[in-house]
Amino acid sequence: MSLDNFSNAELAAEVERRLACSTVPSTRSILIGPPGCGKGTQAPILKQTRCVCHLATGDMLREAIANKTEVGLKAKDIMESGGLVPDEIVVAIIKDAVKQPQCSKGFLLDGFPRTLGQAQALDTMLVQEGEKIDQVVSFEIPDEVLLDRVEGRLVHPGSGRSYHIRNNPPKVPMKDDITGESLIQRQDDNAAALGNRLGKFHEMTAPVLDYYKKRNVLATINANQPMGVVTTEIAALYAPKKSQAKTSGV
């Protein structure tokens, strides 16, 4: 794409963004939380401030299939036959994704790992690549709060950006703030589906959280707060730690 397609203001903003990103340490993070907890709202903010790529596994699978990559074709055959995509294929897709230029400062994983086995498989792959998970953020929120959030949720299919009819409405009704494209309400954003998803989430995720807690990379965020407060608390997790000067006993 020619630079002539961009205004001077857009080019200047991009230069400023890249300069700012050059001083940001690389980080590899995971967001974990139940449906409606706010991950979809916080992920784009964290992506921007940490200069990382946002990897949502569902979107990555669809992209790999559309691009007809080797692992994408394997996933397509399995899905068309009614099977579940094995963990090793999902990990392989993540492995390919993190090598892209937009992931040079790290990545933000959303939707994976969901099980202890997936967490272990992810760690094995990252160790082979000379990397590791630096931060896992667990969004804690009472189940009873989630129904209102889920039933009022609006999603931009292309990016995964999420809004809420009352709590975080788009500037133009049913239109994405960035692209102006139409927003949707997912078919499974209802009480019956939520109850089923929450049960599975709690059952599968508890061992994952314990796994990362033992590795001292787990932080818990109270997600039942205003969006700005949650954003501030997440940002604090990535703030440089103040080193304590050692004092001599002499």
Protein backbone atom coordinates (compact mmCIF):
# COMPACT_ATOMS: atom_id res chain seq x y z
CA MET A 1 0.00 0.00 0.00
CA SER A 2 1.35 3.42 -0.97
CA LEU A 3 2.10 5.96 1.74
CA ASP A 4 0.25 8.48 -0.44
CA ASN A 5 -2.96 6.90 0.83
CA PHE A 6 -2.29 8.27 4.31
CA SER A 7 -2.53 11.84 5.55
CA ASN A 8 0.46 13.59 7.12
CA ALA A 9 -1.31 13.42 10.48
CA GLU A 10 -1.78 9.64 10.16
CA LEU A 11 1.86 9.14 9.16
CA ALA A 12 3.05 11.32 12.06
CA ALA A 13 0.86 9.36 14.48
CA GLU A 14 2.30 6.08 13.21
CA VAL A 15 5.87 7.34 13.60
CA GLU A 16 5.06 8.49 17.14
CA ARG A 17 3.50 5.11 17.93
CA ARG A 18 6.55 3.22 16.68
CA LEU A 19 8.92 5.42 18.63
CA ALA A 20 6.88 4.85 21.79
CA CYS A 21 6.80 1.09 21.16
CA SER A 22 10.57 0.98 20.76
CA THR A 23 10.97 1.64 24.50
CA VAL A 24 8.31 -0.84 25.65
CA PRO A 25 9.73 -4.16 26.94
CA SER A 26 8.43 -7.27 25.19
CA THR A 27 5.80 -9.24 27.07
CA ARG A 28 3.91 -12.47 26.50
CA SER A 29 0.59 -12.47 28.30
CA ILE A 30 -2.59 -14.51 28.71
CA LEU A 31 -6.05 -13.21 29.63
CA ILE A 32 -8.30 -15.70 31.42
CA GLY A 33 -11.89 -15.08 32.44
CA PRO A 34 -15.49 -16.24 31.98
CA PRO A 35 -17.78 -15.01 29.19
CA GLY A 36 -18.71 -11.35 29.74
CA CYS A 37 -15.88 -10.63 32.19
CA GLY A 38 -14.46 -7.79 30.09
CA LYS A 39 -11.55 -9.47 28.28
CA GLY A 40 -12.88 -8.33 24.92
CA THR A 41 -12.89 -4.72 26.11
CA GLN A 42 -9.49 -4.75 27.80
CA ALA A 43 -7.56 -6.76 25.18
CA PRO A 44 -7.47 -3.99 22.50
CA ILE A 45 -6.31 -1.47 25.13
CA LEU A 46 -3.53 -3.75 26.32
CA LYS A 47 -2.59 -4.54 22.73
CA GLN A 48 -2.13 -0.83 22.04
CA THR A 49 -0.25 0.09 25.22
CA ARG A 50 2.08 -2.94 25.18
CA CYS A 51 2.58 -2.90 21.37
CA VAL A 52 1.80 -6.62 21.15
CA CYS A 53 -0.34 -8.73 18.83
CA HIS A 54 -3.72 -9.99 20.07
CA LEU A 55 -4.14 -13.71 19.41
CA ALA A 56 -7.72 -14.97 19.73
CA THR A 57 -7.56 -18.67 18.93
CA GLY A 58 -10.93 -18.85 17.17
CA ASP A 59 -9.95 -16.03 14.81
CA MET A 60 -6.52 -17.60 14.27
CA LEU A 61 -8.05 -20.92 13.25
CA ARG A 62 -10.34 -19.23 10.74
CA GLU A 63 -7.44 -17.19 9.35
CA ALA A 64 -5.18 -20.25 9.02
CA ILE A 65 -7.94 -22.08 7.17
CA ALA A 66 -8.60 -19.09 4.88
CA ASN A 67 -4.87 -18.75 4.12
CA LYS A 68 -4.64 -22.52 3.44
CA THR A 69 -1.59 -22.97 5.63
CA GLU A 70 -0.44 -26.51 6.38
CA VAL A 71 -1.92 -26.55 9.89
CA GLY A 72 -4.96 -24.64 8.64
CA LEU A 73 -5.74 -27.37 6.10
CA LYS A 74 -5.35 -30.03 8.82
CA ALA A 75 -7.74 -28.11 11.07
CA LYS A 76 -10.23 -27.67 8.21
CA ASP A 77 -10.35 -31.41 7.51
CA ILE A 78 -10.91 -32.19 11.19
CA MET A 79 -13.62 -29.54 11.63
CA GLU A 80 -15.46 -30.58 8.46
CA SER A 81 -15.55 -34.17 9.71
CA GLY A 82 -17.15 -32.95 12.96
CA GLY A 83 -14.09 -33.38 15.17
CA LEU A 84 -12.42 -31.06 17.66
CA VAL A 85 -9.14 -29.48 16.60
CA PRO A 86 -6.36 -31.16 18.66
CA ASP A 87 -4.29 -29.04 21.02
CA GLU A 88 -1.10 -29.66 19.03
CA ILE A 89 -2.65 -28.04 15.95
CA VAL A 90 -3.78 -24.98 17.90
CA VAL A 91 -0.30 -24.68 19.46
CA ALA A 92 1.24 -24.99 16.00
CA ILE A 93 -0.97 -22.13 14.77
CA ILE A 94 0.12 -20.01 17.75
CA LYS A 95 3.75 -20.91 17.01
CA ASP A 96 3.37 -19.63 13.44
CA ALA A 97 1.49 -16.50 14.56
CA VAL A 98 4.04 -15.30 17.13
CA LYS A 99 6.72 -15.22 14.43
CA GLN A 100 4.87 -12.49 12.53
CA PRO A 101 6.32 -8.92 12.60
CA GLN A 102 3.35 -7.56 14.56
CA CYS A 103 4.27 -9.94 17.39
CA SER A 104 7.88 -8.75 17.67
CA LYS A 105 7.09 -7.10 21.03
CA GLY A 106 5.22 -10.13 22.30
CA PHE A 107 1.65 -11.36 22.26
CA LEU A 108 -1.62 -11.36 24.14
CA LEU A 109 -3.40 -14.74 24.15
CA ASP A 110 -7.17 -14.78 24.54
CA GLY A 111 -9.19 -18.02 24.61
CA PHE A 112 -6.19 -20.31 25.09
CA PRO A 113 -5.16 -22.20 27.12
CA ARG A 114 -8.48 -23.46 28.49
CA THR A 115 -7.17 -26.68 30.07
CA LEU A 116 -4.10 -27.76 32.02
CA GLY A 117 -2.95 -29.89 29.09
CA GLN A 118 -3.14 -26.89 26.77
CA ALA A 119 -1.14 -24.76 29.21
CA GLN A 120 1.57 -27.41 29.40
CA ALA A 121 1.66 -27.82 25.60
CA LEU A 122 1.93 -24.05 25.17
CA ASP A 123 4.82 -23.85 27.64
CA THR A 124 6.65 -26.69 25.90
CA MET A 125 6.41 -24.89 22.55
CA LEU A 126 7.53 -21.56 24.01
CA VAL A 127 10.55 -23.13 25.73
CA GLN A 128 11.57 -24.61 22.37
CA GLU A 129 11.36 -21.11 20.90
CA GLY A 130 13.35 -19.60 23.77
CA GLU A 131 10.34 -17.74 25.20
CA LYS A 132 8.01 -17.95 28.17
CA ILE A 133 4.77 -16.52 29.54
CA ASP A 134 5.46 -13.33 31.52
CA GLN A 135 1.99 -12.43 32.80
CA VAL A 136 -1.36 -14.17 33.24
CA VAL A 137 -4.32 -11.96 34.14
CA SER A 138 -7.34 -13.66 35.69
CA PHE A 139 -10.60 -11.67 35.51
CA GLU A 140 -12.55 -12.45 38.68
CA ILE A 141 -16.26 -11.61 38.71
CA PRO A 142 -19.38 -13.15 40.34
CA ASP A 143 -21.38 -15.38 38.01
CA GLU A 144 -24.61 -13.51 38.75
CA VAL A 145 -23.17 -10.27 37.33
CA LEU A 146 -22.34 -11.85 33.98
CA LEU A 147 -25.85 -12.41 32.59
CA ASP A 148 -26.57 -8.70 32.13
CA ARG A 149 -23.15 -8.20 30.56
CA VAL A 150 -23.54 -11.07 28.13
CA GLU A 151 -27.11 -10.35 27.07
CA GLY A 152 -26.20 -6.72 26.34
CA ARG A 153 -22.93 -7.47 24.55
CA LEU A 154 -22.27 -6.27 21.00
CA VAL A 155 -19.28 -7.54 19.00
CA HIS A 156 -17.39 -6.38 15.91
CA PRO A 157 -16.76 -9.68 14.07
CA GLY A 158 -13.68 -8.49 12.22
CA SER A 159 -11.61 -7.43 15.25
CA GLY A 160 -13.35 -8.95 18.26
CA ARG A 161 -13.89 -5.49 19.79
CA SER A 162 -16.83 -5.63 22.17
CA TYR A 163 -19.34 -3.09 23.42
CA HIS A 164 -22.37 -3.13 25.69
CA ILE A 165 -25.78 -1.69 24.89
CA ARG A 166 -25.86 0.28 28.17
CA ASN A 167 -22.47 0.07 29.92
CA ASN A 168 -20.19 0.69 26.94
CA PRO A 169 -22.30 1.64 23.91
CA PRO A 170 -20.77 2.40 20.50
CA LYS A 171 -20.75 6.04 19.37
CA VAL A 172 -23.21 5.16 16.60
CA PRO A 173 -25.81 2.50 17.47
CA MET A 174 -24.80 -0.96 16.21
CA LYS A 175 -21.68 0.41 14.45
CA ASP A 176 -18.03 -0.21 15.33
CA ASP A 177 -16.29 2.96 16.54
CA ILE A 178 -13.16 2.31 14.45
CA THR A 179 -14.42 0.93 11.14
CA GLY A 180 -18.09 1.91 11.12
CA GLU A 181 -18.95 -1.69 10.27
CA SER A 182 -22.00 -3.40 11.75
CA LEU A 183 -21.92 -4.97 15.20
CA ILE A 184 -23.63 -8.24 16.05
CA GLN A 185 -25.11 -10.00 19.05
CA ARG A 186 -23.85 -13.57 19.25
CA GLN A 187 -26.49 -16.28 19.23
CA ASP A 188 -25.03 -17.95 22.32
CA ASP A 189 -25.10 -14.74 24.41
CA ASN A 190 -28.14 -15.82 26.44
CA ALA A 191 -28.93 -17.20 29.90
CA ALA A 192 -29.11 -20.89 28.94
CA ALA A 193 -25.87 -20.89 26.98
CA LEU A 194 -24.09 -18.81 29.62
CA GLY A 195 -24.93 -21.25 32.40
CA ASN A 196 -23.50 -24.13 30.40
CA ARG A 197 -20.36 -22.19 29.44
CA LEU A 198 -19.73 -21.03 33.01
CA GLY A 199 -19.91 -24.57 34.35
CA LYS A 200 -17.32 -25.75 31.84
CA PHE A 201 -15.17 -22.67 32.39
CA HIS A 202 -14.89 -23.12 36.15
CA GLU A 203 -14.26 -26.87 35.86
CA MET A 204 -11.48 -26.56 33.26
CA THR A 205 -9.88 -23.30 34.31
CA ALA A 206 -9.20 -23.89 38.03
CA PRO A 207 -6.21 -26.20 37.31
CA VAL A 208 -4.89 -23.70 34.72
CA LEU A 209 -4.91 -20.85 37.24
CA ASP A 210 -3.18 -23.04 39.82
CA TYR A 211 -0.57 -24.00 37.22
CA TYR A 212 0.35 -20.37 36.51
CA LYS A 213 0.12 -19.39 40.18
CA LYS A 214 2.87 -21.90 40.95
CA ARG A 215 4.99 -20.20 38.28
CA ASN A 216 4.50 -16.78 39.94
CA VAL A 217 3.03 -15.19 36.81
CA LEU A 218 -0.64 -15.09 37.84
CA ALA A 219 -2.38 -11.86 38.84
CA THR A 220 -6.05 -11.55 39.79
CA ILE A 221 -8.10 -8.54 38.77
CA ASN A 222 -11.49 -7.59 40.21
CA ALA A 223 -13.43 -7.34 36.94
CA ASN A 224 -16.63 -6.24 38.70
CA GLN A 225 -15.57 -2.58 38.56
CA PRO A 226 -15.94 0.28 36.07
CA MET A 227 -14.04 -0.30 32.85
CA GLY A 228 -11.52 2.50 33.51
CA VAL A 229 -10.65 1.12 36.94
CA VAL A 230 -9.99 -2.33 35.49
CA THR A 231 -7.82 -0.78 32.76
CA THR A 232 -5.77 1.07 35.38
CA GLU A 233 -5.27 -2.04 37.51
CA ILE A 234 -4.13 -4.08 34.51
CA ALA A 235 -1.71 -1.32 33.45
CA ALA A 236 -0.20 -1.38 36.95
CA LEU A 237 0.75 -5.04 36.45
CA TYR A 238 3.06 -4.01 33.62
CA ALA A 239 4.57 -0.96 35.30
CA PRO A 240 8.34 -1.19 35.89
CA LYS A 241 9.09 -2.64 39.29
CA LYS A 242 11.04 -0.29 41.56
CA SER A 243 14.32 -1.86 42.57
CA GLN A 244 15.21 -1.65 46.21
CA ALA A 245 18.70 -0.33 46.84
CA LYS A 246 20.83 -2.67 48.93
CA THR A 247 22.32 -1.15 52.03
CA SER A 248 25.68 -2.11 53.40
CA GLY A 249 26.04 -3.17 57.00
CA VAL A 250 29.43 -1.45 57.18
